[in-house]
Amino acid sequence: MMRIPMKVDYGVRALLELAMHYGQGRIQTSEIAYRQGIPEAYLNQLMPTLNKVGFVCSRRGPQGGHALAMEPADISLGVLMSTLEKNTPPLDCFIHPNDCILSDFCAQKEVWRLVEDTVQNVLNNITLADLSQRQSQFDSHRIYQI
């Protein structure tokens, strides 16, 4: 089973929150953290990274906050994941095929390559716009307790 690193999970959630409010102005870190259940201290460390790589425009101060720097449809989960967390192949022989004497004749390598390619294809074809639309559908059926 593929494991999603916490940095990617929180990054996607933060950007999803911004995508759901795209074009409506900036959102403060505390608000994103509250709505998405992300520890604010962790988010304070993550947002500069998202800003630096160009996903977010951030501004400090009383009128500050964060907004997406590009259209939600232009940010795929594949790009987001590879930006936040170095993609590591499922087998070391994908990187160093000469280190394994079975590399050229390995049935399981073919299976893991197919799994990896399939996962990457799915991630590259789902955008923040898609997630935002799905989240809106879930939210319309959820009762908030504030």
Foldseek 3Di string as FASTA:
>chain_A
DDDQDPLLVLVLQLLLVQLLCAPVAFDALVVSCVVRVNPSVVSVVNVVLCVVVQQWDFDDDPRTHIHGRDHQQVAFSLVSRCSRDPDDQPDPCVVVVVVDPCSVPDPVVVVSVVVVVVVSVVRRNHTSNNVNVVVVVVVVVDDDDD
